[in-house]
Amino acid sequence: WLEPVMDQSDCGSCYAASTMRMLSVRHKIKMKNESALPWSINMPLFC
């Protein structure tokens, strides 16, 4: 059910990456759809 491992690169965005991945996976599990699109990390990160 997990999203692929990502590389956050030289940005201290681990808190955003881990949270949005958590929400993405939980949504897929709830919807019973492992192909559901993940949520954007950049929107809450930069907005």
ModelCIF file with pLDDT and N, C-alpha, C, O atoms, coordinates in Angstrom:
data_MODEL
#
_entry.id   MODEL 
#
_entity.id                         1 
_entity.type                       polymer 
_entity.pdbx_number_of_molecules   1 
#
_entity_poly.entity_id                      1 
_entity_poly.type                           'polypeptide(L)' 
_entity_poly.nstd_linkage                   no 
_entity_poly.nstd_monomer                   no 
_entity_poly.pdbx_seq_one_letter_code       WLEPVMDQSDCGSCYAASTMRMLSVRHKIKMKNESALPWSINMPLFC 
_entity_poly.pdbx_seq_one_letter_code_can   WLEPVMDQSDCGSCYAASTMRMLSVRHKIKMKNESALPWSINMPLFC 
_entity_poly.pdbx_strand_id                 A 
#
loop_
_entity_poly_seq.entity_id 
_entity_poly_seq.num 
_entity_poly_seq.mon_id 
_entity_poly_seq.hetero 
1 1  TRP n 
1 2  LEU n 
1 3  GLU n 
1 4  PRO n 
1 5  VAL n 
1 6  MET n 
1 7  ASP n 
1 8  GLN n 
1 9  SER n 
1 10 ASP n 
1 11 CYS n 
1 12 GLY n 
1 13 SER n 
1 14 CYS n 
1 15 TYR n 
1 16 ALA n 
1 17 ALA n 
1 18 SER n 
1 19 THR n 
1 20 MET n 
1 21 ARG n 
1 22 MET n 
1 23 LEU n 
1 24 SER n 
1 25 VAL n 
1 26 ARG n 
1 27 HIS n 
1 28 LYS n 
1 29 ILE n 
1 30 LYS n 
1 31 MET n 
1 32 LYS n 
1 33 ASN n 
1 34 GLU n 
1 35 SER n 
1 36 ALA n 
1 37 LEU n 
1 38 PRO n 
1 39 TRP n 
1 40 SER n 
1 41 ILE n 
1 42 ASN n 
1 43 MET n 
1 44 PRO n 
1 45 LEU n 
1 46 PHE n 
1 47 CYS n 
#
_struct_asym.id          A 
_struct_asym.entity_id   1 
#
loop_
_ma_qa_metric.id 
_ma_qa_metric.mode 
_ma_qa_metric.name 
_ma_qa_metric.software_group_id 
_ma_qa_metric.type 
1 global pLDDT . pLDDT 
2 local  pLDDT . pLDDT 
#
_ma_qa_metric_global.metric_id      1 
_ma_qa_metric_global.metric_value   96.47 
_ma_qa_metric_global.model_id       1 
_ma_qa_metric_global.ordinal_id     1 
#
loop_
_ma_qa_metric_local.label_asym_id 
_ma_qa_metric_local.label_comp_id 
_ma_qa_metric_local.label_seq_id 
_ma_qa_metric_local.metric_id 
_ma_qa_metric_local.metric_value 
_ma_qa_metric_local.model_id 
_ma_qa_metric_local.ordinal_id 
A TRP 1  2 97.00 1 1  
A LEU 2  2 98.00 1 2  
A GLU 3  2 97.00 1 3  
A PRO 4  2 97.00 1 4  
A VAL 5  2 98.00 1 5  
A MET 6  2 97.00 1 6  
A ASP 7  2 96.00 1 7  
A GLN 8  2 95.00 1 8  
A SER 9  2 92.00 1 9  
A ASP 10 2 88.00 1 10 
A CYS 11 2 93.00 1 11 
A GLY 12 2 93.00 1 12 
A SER 13 2 95.00 1 13 
A CYS 14 2 95.00 1 14 
A TYR 15 2 96.00 1 15 
A ALA 16 2 97.00 1 16 
A ALA 17 2 97.00 1 17 
A SER 18 2 98.00 1 18 
A THR 19 2 98.00 1 19 
A MET 20 2 98.00 1 20 
A ARG 21 2 98.00 1 21 
A MET 22 2 98.00 1 22 
A LEU 23 2 98.00 1 23 
A SER 24 2 98.00 1 24 
A VAL 25 2 98.00 1 25 
A ARG 26 2 98.00 1 26 
A HIS 27 2 98.00 1 27 
A LYS 28 2 97.00 1 28 
A ILE 29 2 96.00 1 29 
A LYS 30 2 96.00 1 30 
A MET 31 2 96.00 1 31 
A LYS 32 2 94.00 1 32 
A ASN 33 2 95.00 1 33 
A GLU 34 2 94.00 1 34 
A SER 35 2 95.00 1 35 
A ALA 36 2 97.00 1 36 
A LEU 37 2 97.00 1 37 
A PRO 38 2 98.00 1 38 
A TRP 39 2 98.00 1 39 
A SER 40 2 98.00 1 40 
A ILE 41 2 98.00 1 41 
A ASN 42 2 97.00 1 42 
A MET 43 2 98.00 1 43 
A PRO 44 2 98.00 1 44 
A LEU 45 2 97.00 1 45 
A PHE 46 2 97.00 1 46 
A CYS 47 2 97.00 1 47 
#
loop_
_atom_site.group_PDB 
_atom_site.id 
_atom_site.type_symbol 
_atom_site.label_atom_id 
_atom_site.label_alt_id 
_atom_site.label_comp_id 
_atom_site.label_asym_id 
_atom_site.label_entity_id 
_atom_site.label_seq_id 
_atom_site.pdbx_PDB_ins_code 
_atom_site.Cartn_x 
_atom_site.Cartn_y 
_atom_site.Cartn_z 
_atom_site.occupancy 
_atom_site.B_iso_or_equiv 
_atom_site.pdbx_formal_charge 
_atom_site.auth_seq_id 
_atom_site.auth_comp_id 
_atom_site.auth_asym_id 
_atom_site.auth_atom_id 
_atom_site.pdbx_PDB_model_num 
ATOM 1   N N  . TRP A 1 1  ? 0.808   -1.209 0.000  1.00 97.00 ? 1  TRP A N  1 
ATOM 2   C CA . TRP A 1 1  ? 0.000   0.000  0.000  1.00 97.00 ? 1  TRP A CA 1 
ATOM 3   C C  . TRP A 1 1  ? 0.851   1.274  0.000  1.00 97.00 ? 1  TRP A C  1 
ATOM 4   O O  . TRP A 1 1  ? 0.309   2.372  -0.121 1.00 97.00 ? 1  TRP A O  1 
ATOM 5   N N  . LEU A 1 2  ? 2.146   1.145  0.131  1.00 98.00 ? 2  LEU A N  1 
ATOM 6   C CA . LEU A 1 2  ? 2.992   2.320  0.296  1.00 98.00 ? 2  LEU A CA 1 
ATOM 7   C C  . LEU A 1 2  ? 3.300   3.010  -1.028 1.00 98.00 ? 2  LEU A C  1 
ATOM 8   O O  . LEU A 1 2  ? 3.277   2.390  -2.091 1.00 98.00 ? 2  LEU A O  1 
ATOM 9   N N  . GLU A 1 3  ? 3.586   4.300  -0.939 1.00 97.00 ? 3  GLU A N  1 
ATOM 10  C CA . GLU A 1 3  ? 4.124   5.035  -2.070 1.00 97.00 ? 3  GLU A CA 1 
ATOM 11  C C  . GLU A 1 3  ? 5.614   4.697  -2.189 1.00 97.00 ? 3  GLU A C  1 
ATOM 12  O O  . GLU A 1 3  ? 6.232   4.349  -1.183 1.00 97.00 ? 3  GLU A O  1 
ATOM 13  N N  . PRO A 1 4  ? 6.210   4.787  -3.382 1.00 97.00 ? 4  PRO A N  1 
ATOM 14  C CA . PRO A 1 4  ? 7.642   4.497  -3.530 1.00 97.00 ? 4  PRO A CA 1 
ATOM 15  C C  . PRO A 1 4  ? 8.485   5.418  -2.663 1.00 97.00 ? 4  PRO A C  1 
ATOM 16  O O  . PRO A 1 4  ? 8.089   6.547  -2.373 1.00 97.00 ? 4  PRO A O  1 
ATOM 17  N N  . VAL A 1 5  ? 9.648   4.932  -2.251 1.00 98.00 ? 5  VAL A N  1 
ATOM 18  C CA . VAL A 1 5  ? 10.583  5.754  -1.483 1.00 98.00 ? 5  VAL A CA 1 
ATOM 19  C C  . VAL A 1 5  ? 10.977  6.963  -2.312 1.00 98.00 ? 5  VAL A C  1 
ATOM 20  O O  . VAL A 1 5  ? 11.310  6.827  -3.489 1.00 98.00 ? 5  VAL A O  1 
ATOM 21  N N  . MET A 1 6  ? 10.942  8.143  -1.710 1.00 97.00 ? 6  MET A N  1 
ATOM 22  C CA . MET A 1 6  ? 11.311  9.367  -2.415 1.00 97.00 ? 6  MET A CA 1 
ATOM 23  C C  . MET A 1 6  ? 12.614  9.923  -1.851 1.00 97.00 ? 6  MET A C  1 
ATOM 24  O O  . MET A 1 6  ? 13.067  9.520  -0.780 1.00 97.00 ? 6  MET A O  1 
ATOM 25  N N  . ASP A 1 7  ? 13.199  10.847 -2.585 1.00 96.00 ? 7  ASP A N  1 
ATOM 26  C CA . ASP A 1 7  ? 14.386  11.558 -2.122 1.00 96.00 ? 7  ASP A CA 1 
ATOM 27  C C  . ASP A 1 7  ? 14.002  13.019 -1.955 1.00 96.00 ? 7  ASP A C  1 
ATOM 28  O O  . ASP A 1 7  ? 13.733  13.711 -2.936 1.00 96.00 ? 7  ASP A O  1 
ATOM 29  N N  . GLN A 1 8  ? 13.977  13.486 -0.724 1.00 95.00 ? 8  GLN A N  1 
ATOM 30  C CA . GLN A 1 8  ? 13.577  14.871 -0.460 1.00 95.00 ? 8  GLN A CA 1 
ATOM 31  C C  . GLN A 1 8  ? 14.616  15.866 -0.943 1.00 95.00 ? 8  GLN A C  1 
ATOM 32  O O  . GLN A 1 8  ? 14.325  17.057 -1.053 1.00 95.00 ? 8  GLN A O  1 
ATOM 33  N N  . SER A 1 9  ? 15.828  15.396 -1.235 1.00 92.00 ? 9  SER A N  1 
ATOM 34  C CA . SER A 1 9  ? 16.930  16.229 -1.700 1.00 92.00 ? 9  SER A CA 1 
ATOM 35  C C  . SER A 1 9  ? 17.314  17.253 -0.641 1.00 92.00 ? 9  SER A C  1 
ATOM 36  O O  . SER A 1 9  ? 17.103  17.026 0.551  1.00 92.00 ? 9  SER A O  1 
ATOM 37  N N  . ASP A 1 10 ? 17.880  18.382 -1.072 1.00 88.00 ? 10 ASP A N  1 
ATOM 38  C CA . ASP A 1 10 ? 18.456  19.322 -0.112 1.00 88.00 ? 10 ASP A CA 1 
ATOM 39  C C  . ASP A 1 10 ? 17.419  20.305 0.411  1.00 88.00 ? 10 ASP A C  1 
ATOM 40  O O  . ASP A 1 10 ? 17.661  21.512 0.447  1.00 88.00 ? 10 ASP A O  1 
ATOM 41  N N  . CYS A 1 11 ? 16.285  19.796 0.810  1.00 93.00 ? 11 CYS A N  1 
ATOM 42  C CA . CYS A 1 11 ? 15.194  20.598 1.375  1.00 93.00 ? 11 CYS A CA 1 
ATOM 43  C C  . CYS A 1 11 ? 14.760  19.934 2.665  1.00 93.00 ? 11 CYS A C  1 
ATOM 44  O O  . CYS A 1 11 ? 14.538  18.723 2.692  1.00 93.00 ? 11 CYS A O  1 
ATOM 45  N N  . GLY A 1 12 ? 14.635  20.698 3.729  1.00 93.00 ? 12 GLY A N  1 
ATOM 46  C CA . GLY A 1 12 ? 14.207  20.131 5.008  1.00 93.00 ? 12 GLY A CA 1 
ATOM 47  C C  . GLY A 1 12 ? 12.723  19.861 5.029  1.00 93.00 ? 12 GLY A C  1 
ATOM 48  O O  . GLY A 1 12 ? 12.000  20.390 5.873  1.00 93.00 ? 12 GLY A O  1 
ATOM 49  N N  . SER A 1 13 ? 12.264  19.037 4.102  1.00 95.00 ? 13 SER A N  1 
ATOM 50  C CA . SER A 1 13 ? 10.833  18.793 3.901  1.00 95.00 ? 13 SER A CA 1 
ATOM 51  C C  . SER A 1 13 ? 10.375  17.456 4.443  1.00 95.00 ? 13 SER A C  1 
ATOM 52  O O  . SER A 1 13 ? 9.280   17.003 4.111  1.00 95.00 ? 13 SER A O  1 
ATOM 53  N N  . CYS A 1 14 ? 11.197  16.803 5.283  1.00 95.00 ? 14 CYS A N  1 
ATOM 54  C CA . CYS A 1 14 ? 10.840  15.466 5.750  1.00 95.00 ? 14 CYS A CA 1 
ATOM 55  C C  . CYS A 1 14 ? 9.489   15.452 6.446  1.00 95.00 ? 14 CYS A C  1 
ATOM 56  O O  . CYS A 1 14 ? 8.740   14.483 6.322  1.00 95.00 ? 14 CYS A O  1 
ATOM 57  N N  . TYR A 1 15 ? 9.166   16.521 7.181  1.00 96.00 ? 15 TYR A N  1 
ATOM 58  C CA . TYR A 1 15 ? 7.895   16.585 7.902  1.00 96.00 ? 15 TYR A CA 1 
ATOM 59  C C  . TYR A 1 15 ? 6.719   16.617 6.935  1.00 96.00 ? 15 TYR A C  1 
ATOM 60  O O  . TYR A 1 15 ? 5.661   16.057 7.221  1.00 96.00 ? 15 TYR A O  1 
ATOM 61  N N  . ALA A 1 16 ? 6.903   17.278 5.777  1.00 97.00 ? 16 ALA A N  1 
ATOM 62  C CA . ALA A 1 16 ? 5.852   17.343 4.766  1.00 97.00 ? 16 ALA A CA 1 
ATOM 63  C C  . ALA A 1 16 ? 5.748   16.023 4.013  1.00 97.00 ? 16 ALA A C  1 
ATOM 64  O O  . ALA A 1 16 ? 4.651   15.518 3.773  1.00 97.00 ? 16 ALA A O  1 
ATOM 65  N N  . ALA A 1 17 ? 6.907   15.469 3.641  1.00 97.00 ? 17 ALA A N  1 
ATOM 66  C CA . ALA A 1 17 ? 6.921   14.216 2.890  1.00 97.00 ? 17 ALA A CA 1 
ATOM 67  C C  . ALA A 1 17 ? 6.287   13.086 3.699  1.00 97.00 ? 17 ALA A C  1 
ATOM 68  O O  . ALA A 1 17 ? 5.451   12.345 3.181  1.00 97.00 ? 17 ALA A O  1 
ATOM 69  N N  . SER A 1 18 ? 6.679   12.951 4.959  1.00 98.00 ? 18 SER A N  1 
ATOM 70  C CA . SER A 1 18 ? 6.153   11.858 5.782  1.00 98.00 ? 18 SER A CA 1 
ATOM 71  C C  . SER A 1 18 ? 4.662   12.034 6.045  1.00 98.00 ? 18 SER A C  1 
ATOM 72  O O  . SER A 1 18 ? 3.912   11.058 6.039  1.00 98.00 ? 18 SER A O  1 
ATOM 73  N N  . THR A 1 19 ? 4.227   13.271 6.277  1.00 98.00 ? 19 THR A N  1 
ATOM 74  C CA . THR A 1 19 ? 2.805   13.506 6.570  1.00 98.00 ? 19 THR A CA 1 
ATOM 75  C C  . THR A 1 19 ? 1.930   13.256 5.362  1.00 98.00 ? 19 THR A C  1 
ATOM 76  O O  . THR A 1 19 ? 0.900   12.589 5.468  1.00 98.00 ? 19 THR A O  1 
ATOM 77  N N  . MET A 1 20 ? 2.324   13.782 4.216  1.00 98.00 ? 20 MET A N  1 
ATOM 78  C CA . MET A 1 20 ? 1.493   13.600 3.029  1.00 98.00 ? 20 MET A CA 1 
ATOM 79  C C  . MET A 1 20 ? 1.522   12.157 2.546  1.00 98.00 ? 20 MET A C  1 
ATOM 80  O O  . MET A 1 20 ? 0.541   11.670 1.985  1.00 98.00 ? 20 MET A O  1 
ATOM 81  N N  . ARG A 1 21 ? 2.634   11.474 2.760  1.00 98.00 ? 21 ARG A N  1 
ATOM 82  C CA . ARG A 1 21 ? 2.667   10.040 2.448  1.00 98.00 ? 21 ARG A CA 1 
ATOM 83  C C  . ARG A 1 21 ? 1.741   9.273  3.396  1.00 98.00 ? 21 ARG A C  1 
ATOM 84  O O  . ARG A 1 21 ? 1.054   8.342  2.976  1.00 98.00 ? 21 ARG A O  1 
ATOM 85  N N  . MET A 1 22 ? 1.725   9.661  4.661  1.00 98.00 ? 22 MET A N  1 
ATOM 86  C CA . MET A 1 22 ? 0.812   9.036  5.623  1.00 98.00 ? 22 MET A CA 1 
ATOM 87  C C  . MET A 1 22 ? -0.634  9.212  5.176  1.00 98.00 ? 22 MET A C  1 
ATOM 88  O O  . MET A 1 22 ? -1.406  8.253  5.173  1.00 98.00 ? 22 MET A O  1 
ATOM 89  N N  . LEU A 1 23 ? -1.001  10.434 4.800  1.00 98.00 ? 23 LEU A N  1 
ATOM 90  C CA . LEU A 1 23 ? -2.369  10.697 4.364  1.00 98.00 ? 23 LEU A CA 1 
ATOM 91  C C  . LEU A 1 23 ? -2.679  9.981  3.043  1.00 98.00 ? 23 LEU A C  1 
ATOM 92  O O  . LEU A 1 23 ? -3.792  9.492  2.847  1.00 98.00 ? 23 LEU A O  1 
ATOM 93  N N  . SER A 1 24 ? -1.706  9.922  2.150  1.00 98.00 ? 24 SER A N  1 
ATOM 94  C CA . SER A 1 24 ? -1.904  9.249  0.854  1.00 98.00 ? 24 SER A CA 1 
ATOM 95  C C  . SER A 1 24 ? -2.165  7.762  1.047  1.00 98.00 ? 24 SER A C  1 
ATOM 96  O O  . SER A 1 24 ? -3.098  7.213  0.461  1.00 98.00 ? 24 SER A O  1 
ATOM 97  N N  . VAL A 1 25 ? -1.359  7.117  1.853  1.00 98.00 ? 25 VAL A N  1 
ATOM 98  C CA . VAL A 1 25 ? -1.510  5.672  2.061  1.00 98.00 ? 25 VAL A CA 1 
ATOM 99  C C  . VAL A 1 25 ? -2.804  5.369  2.804  1.00 98.00 ? 25 VAL A C  1 
ATOM 100 O O  . VAL A 1 25 ? -3.508  4.420  2.459  1.00 98.00 ? 25 VAL A O  1 
ATOM 101 N N  . ARG A 1 26 ? -3.122  6.159  3.809  1.00 98.00 ? 26 ARG A N  1 
ATOM 102 C CA . ARG A 1 26 ? -4.366  5.930  4.544  1.00 98.00 ? 26 ARG A CA 1 
ATOM 103 C C  . ARG A 1 26 ? -5.586  6.096  3.634  1.00 98.00 ? 26 ARG A C  1 
ATOM 104 O O  . ARG A 1 26 ? -6.574  5.372  3.765  1.00 98.00 ? 26 ARG A O  1 
ATOM 105 N N  . HIS A 1 27 ? -5.506  7.045  2.722  1.00 98.00 ? 27 HIS A N  1 
ATOM 106 C CA . HIS A 1 27 ? -6.604  7.233  1.770  1.00 98.00 ? 27 HIS A CA 1 
ATOM 107 C C  . HIS A 1 27 ? -6.736  6.021  0.859  1.00 98.00 ? 27 HIS A C  1 
ATOM 108 O O  . HIS A 1 27 ? -7.849  5.559  0.608  1.00 98.00 ? 27 HIS A O  1 
ATOM 109 N N  . LYS A 1 28 ? -5.622  5.499  0.362  1.00 97.00 ? 28 LYS A N  1 
ATOM 110 C CA . LYS A 1 28 ? -5.658  4.327  -0.511 1.00 97.00 ? 28 LYS A CA 1 
ATOM 111 C C  . LYS A 1 28 ? -6.258  3.123  0.226  1.00 97.00 ? 28 LYS A C  1 
ATOM 112 O O  . LYS A 1 28 ? -7.066  2.380  -0.332 1.00 97.00 ? 28 LYS A O  1 
ATOM 113 N N  . ILE A 1 29 ? -5.850  2.944  1.487  1.00 96.00 ? 29 ILE A N  1 
ATOM 114 C CA . ILE A 1 29 ? -6.361  1.820  2.271  1.00 96.00 ? 29 ILE A CA 1 
ATOM 115 C C  . ILE A 1 29 ? -7.861  1.957  2.478  1.00 96.00 ? 29 ILE A C  1 
ATOM 116 O O  . ILE A 1 29 ? -8.607  0.990  2.325  1.00 96.00 ? 29 ILE A O  1 
ATOM 117 N N  . LYS A 1 30 ? -8.300  3.154  2.825  1.00 96.00 ? 30 LYS A N  1 
ATOM 118 C CA . LYS A 1 30 ? -9.727  3.398  3.076  1.00 96.00 ? 30 LYS A CA 1 
ATOM 119 C C  . LYS A 1 30 ? -10.553 3.190  1.811  1.00 96.00 ? 30 LYS A C  1 
ATOM 120 O O  . LYS A 1 30 ? -11.654 2.642  1.861  1.00 96.00 ? 30 LYS A O  1 
ATOM 121 N N  . MET A 1 31 ? -10.006 3.638  0.666  1.00 96.00 ? 31 MET A N  1 
ATOM 122 C CA . MET A 1 31 ? -10.721 3.513  -0.604 1.00 96.00 ? 31 MET A CA 1 
ATOM 123 C C  . MET A 1 31 ? -10.554 2.125  -1.226 1.00 96.00 ? 31 MET A C  1 
ATOM 124 O O  . MET A 1 31 ? -11.219 1.796  -2.208 1.00 96.00 ? 31 MET A O  1 
ATOM 125 N N  . LYS A 1 32 ? -9.656  1.309  -0.645 1.00 94.00 ? 32 LYS A N  1 
ATOM 126 C CA . LYS A 1 32 ? -9.338  -0.011 -1.185 1.00 94.00 ? 32 LYS A CA 1 
ATOM 127 C C  . LYS A 1 32 ? -8.873  0.092  -2.629 1.00 94.00 ? 32 LYS A C  1 
ATOM 128 O O  . LYS A 1 32 ? -9.261  -0.692 -3.496 1.00 94.00 ? 32 LYS A O  1 
ATOM 129 N N  . ASN A 1 33 ? -8.034  1.081  -2.850 1.00 95.00 ? 33 ASN A N  1 
ATOM 130 C CA . ASN A 1 33 ? -7.528  1.342  -4.194 1.00 95.00 ? 33 ASN A CA 1 
ATOM 131 C C  . ASN A 1 33 ? -6.054  1.714  -4.099 1.00 95.00 ? 33 ASN A C  1 
ATOM 132 O O  . ASN A 1 33 ? -5.715  2.866  -3.829 1.00 95.00 ? 33 ASN A O  1 
ATOM 133 N N  . GLU A 1 34 ? -5.173  0.726  -4.323 1.00 94.00 ? 34 GLU A N  1 
ATOM 134 C CA . GLU A 1 34 ? -3.733  0.975  -4.187 1.00 94.00 ? 34 GLU A CA 1 
ATOM 135 C C  . GLU A 1 34 ? -3.192  1.872  -5.299 1.00 94.00 ? 34 GLU A C  1 
ATOM 136 O O  . GLU A 1 34 ? -2.044  2.313  -5.230 1.00 94.00 ? 34 GLU A O  1 
ATOM 137 N N  . SER A 1 35 ? -4.008  2.149  -6.329 1.00 95.00 ? 35 SER A N  1 
ATOM 138 C CA . SER A 1 35 ? -3.575  2.988  -7.440 1.00 95.00 ? 35 SER A CA 1 
ATOM 139 C C  . SER A 1 35 ? -4.031  4.445  -7.307 1.00 95.00 ? 35 SER A C  1 
ATOM 140 O O  . SER A 1 35 ? -3.770  5.256  -8.196 1.00 95.00 ? 35 SER A O  1 
ATOM 141 N N  . ALA A 1 36 ? -4.703  4.778  -6.219 1.00 97.00 ? 36 ALA A N  1 
ATOM 142 C CA . ALA A 1 36 ? -5.187  6.154  -6.040 1.00 97.00 ? 36 ALA A CA 1 
ATOM 143 C C  . ALA A 1 36 ? -4.018  7.131  -6.035 1.00 97.00 ? 36 ALA A C  1 
ATOM 144 O O  . ALA A 1 36 ? -2.957  6.826  -5.491 1.00 97.00 ? 36 ALA A O  1 
ATOM 145 N N  . LEU A 1 37 ? -4.204  8.295  -6.635 1.00 97.00 ? 37 LEU A N  1 
ATOM 146 C CA . LEU A 1 37 ? -3.143  9.293  -6.691 1.00 97.00 ? 37 LEU A CA 1 
ATOM 147 C C  . LEU A 1 37 ? -2.765  9.761  -5.293 1.00 97.00 ? 37 LEU A C  1 
ATOM 148 O O  . LEU A 1 37 ? -3.638  9.935  -4.443 1.00 97.00 ? 37 LEU A O  1 
ATOM 149 N N  . PRO A 1 38 ? -1.473  9.968  -5.042 1.00 98.00 ? 38 PRO A N  1 
ATOM 150 C CA . PRO A 1 38 ? -1.059  10.521 -3.750 1.00 98.00 ? 38 PRO A CA 1 
ATOM 151 C C  . PRO A 1 38 ? -1.386  12.004 -3.675 1.00 98.00 ? 38 PRO A C  1 
ATOM 152 O O  . PRO A 1 38 ? -1.675  12.636 -4.691 1.00 98.00 ? 38 PRO A O  1 
ATOM 153 N N  . TRP A 1 39 ? -1.339  12.558 -2.464 1.00 98.00 ? 39 TRP A N  1 
ATOM 154 C CA . TRP A 1 39 ? -1.596  13.981 -2.270 1.00 98.00 ? 39 TRP A CA 1 
ATOM 155 C C  . TRP A 1 39 ? -0.325  14.793 -2.493 1.00 98.00 ? 39 TRP A C  1 
ATOM 156 O O  . TRP A 1 39 ? 0.786   14.311 -2.271 1.00 98.00 ? 39 TRP A O  1 
ATOM 157 N N  . SER A 1 40 ? -0.507  16.004 -2.926 1.00 98.00 ? 40 SER A N  1 
ATOM 158 C CA . SER A 1 40 ? 0.632   16.883 -3.188 1.00 98.00 ? 40 SER A CA 1 
ATOM 159 C C  . SER A 1 40 ? 1.383   17.211 -1.899 1.00 98.00 ? 40 SER A C  1 
ATOM 160 O O  . SER A 1 40 ? 0.780   17.599 -0.899 1.00 98.00 ? 40 SER A O  1 
ATOM 161 N N  . ILE A 1 41 ? 2.691   17.051 -1.935 1.00 98.00 ? 41 ILE A N  1 
ATOM 162 C CA . ILE A 1 41 ? 3.563   17.465 -0.835 1.00 98.00 ? 41 ILE A CA 1 
ATOM 163 C C  . ILE A 1 41 ? 3.847   18.958 -0.951 1.00 98.00 ? 41 ILE A C  1 
ATOM 164 O O  . ILE A 1 41 ? 3.904   19.665 0.055  1.00 98.00 ? 41 ILE A O  1 
ATOM 165 N N  . ASN A 1 42 ? 4.022   19.425 -2.161 1.00 97.00 ? 42 ASN A N  1 
ATOM 166 C CA . ASN A 1 42 ? 4.435   20.812 -2.357 1.00 97.00 ? 42 ASN A CA 1 
ATOM 167 C C  . ASN A 1 42 ? 3.382   21.838 -1.985 1.00 97.00 ? 42 ASN A C  1 
ATOM 168 O O  . ASN A 1 42 ? 3.722   22.955 -1.593 1.00 97.00 ? 42 ASN A O  1 
ATOM 169 N N  . MET A 1 43 ? 2.085   21.476 -2.103 1.00 98.00 ? 43 MET A N  1 
ATOM 170 C CA . MET A 1 43 ? 1.094   22.499 -1.779 1.00 98.00 ? 43 MET A CA 1 
ATOM 171 C C  . MET A 1 43 ? 1.180   22.929 -0.317 1.00 98.00 ? 43 MET A C  1 
ATOM 172 O O  . MET A 1 43 ? 1.351   24.120 -0.058 1.00 98.00 ? 43 MET A O  1 
ATOM 173 N N  . PRO A 1 44 ? 1.071   22.021 0.648  1.00 98.00 ? 44 PRO A N  1 
ATOM 174 C CA . PRO A 1 44 ? 1.204   22.483 2.035  1.00 98.00 ? 44 PRO A CA 1 
ATOM 175 C C  . PRO A 1 44 ? 2.616   22.954 2.366  1.00 98.00 ? 44 PRO A C  1 
ATOM 176 O O  . PRO A 1 44 ? 2.795   23.806 3.236  1.00 98.00 ? 44 PRO A O  1 
ATOM 177 N N  . LEU A 1 45 ? 3.633   22.400 1.670  1.00 97.00 ? 45 LEU A N  1 
ATOM 178 C CA . LEU A 1 45 ? 5.019   22.780 1.945  1.00 97.00 ? 45 LEU A CA 1 
ATOM 179 C C  . LEU A 1 45 ? 5.281   24.240 1.602  1.00 97.00 ? 45 LEU A C  1 
ATOM 180 O O  . LEU A 1 45 ? 5.925   24.952 2.372  1.00 97.00 ? 45 LEU A O  1 
ATOM 181 N N  . PHE A 1 46 ? 4.784   24.691 0.451  1.00 97.00 ? 46 PHE A N  1 
ATOM 182 C CA . PHE A 1 46 ? 5.088   26.046 -0.009 1.00 97.00 ? 46 PHE A CA 1 
ATOM 183 C C  . PHE A 1 46 ? 3.908   27.012 0.089  1.00 97.00 ? 46 PHE A C  1 
ATOM 184 O O  . PHE A 1 46 ? 4.085   28.222 -0.056 1.00 97.00 ? 46 PHE A O  1 
ATOM 185 N N  . CYS A 1 47 ? 2.719   26.490 0.332  1.00 97.00 ? 47 CYS A N  1 
ATOM 186 C CA . CYS A 1 47 ? 1.548   27.369 0.454  1.00 97.00 ? 47 CYS A CA 1 
ATOM 187 C C  . CYS A 1 47 ? 1.105   27.539 1.901  1.00 97.00 ? 47 CYS A C  1 
ATOM 188 O O  . CYS A 1 47 ? 0.135   28.248 2.170  1.00 97.00 ? 47 CYS A O  1 
#
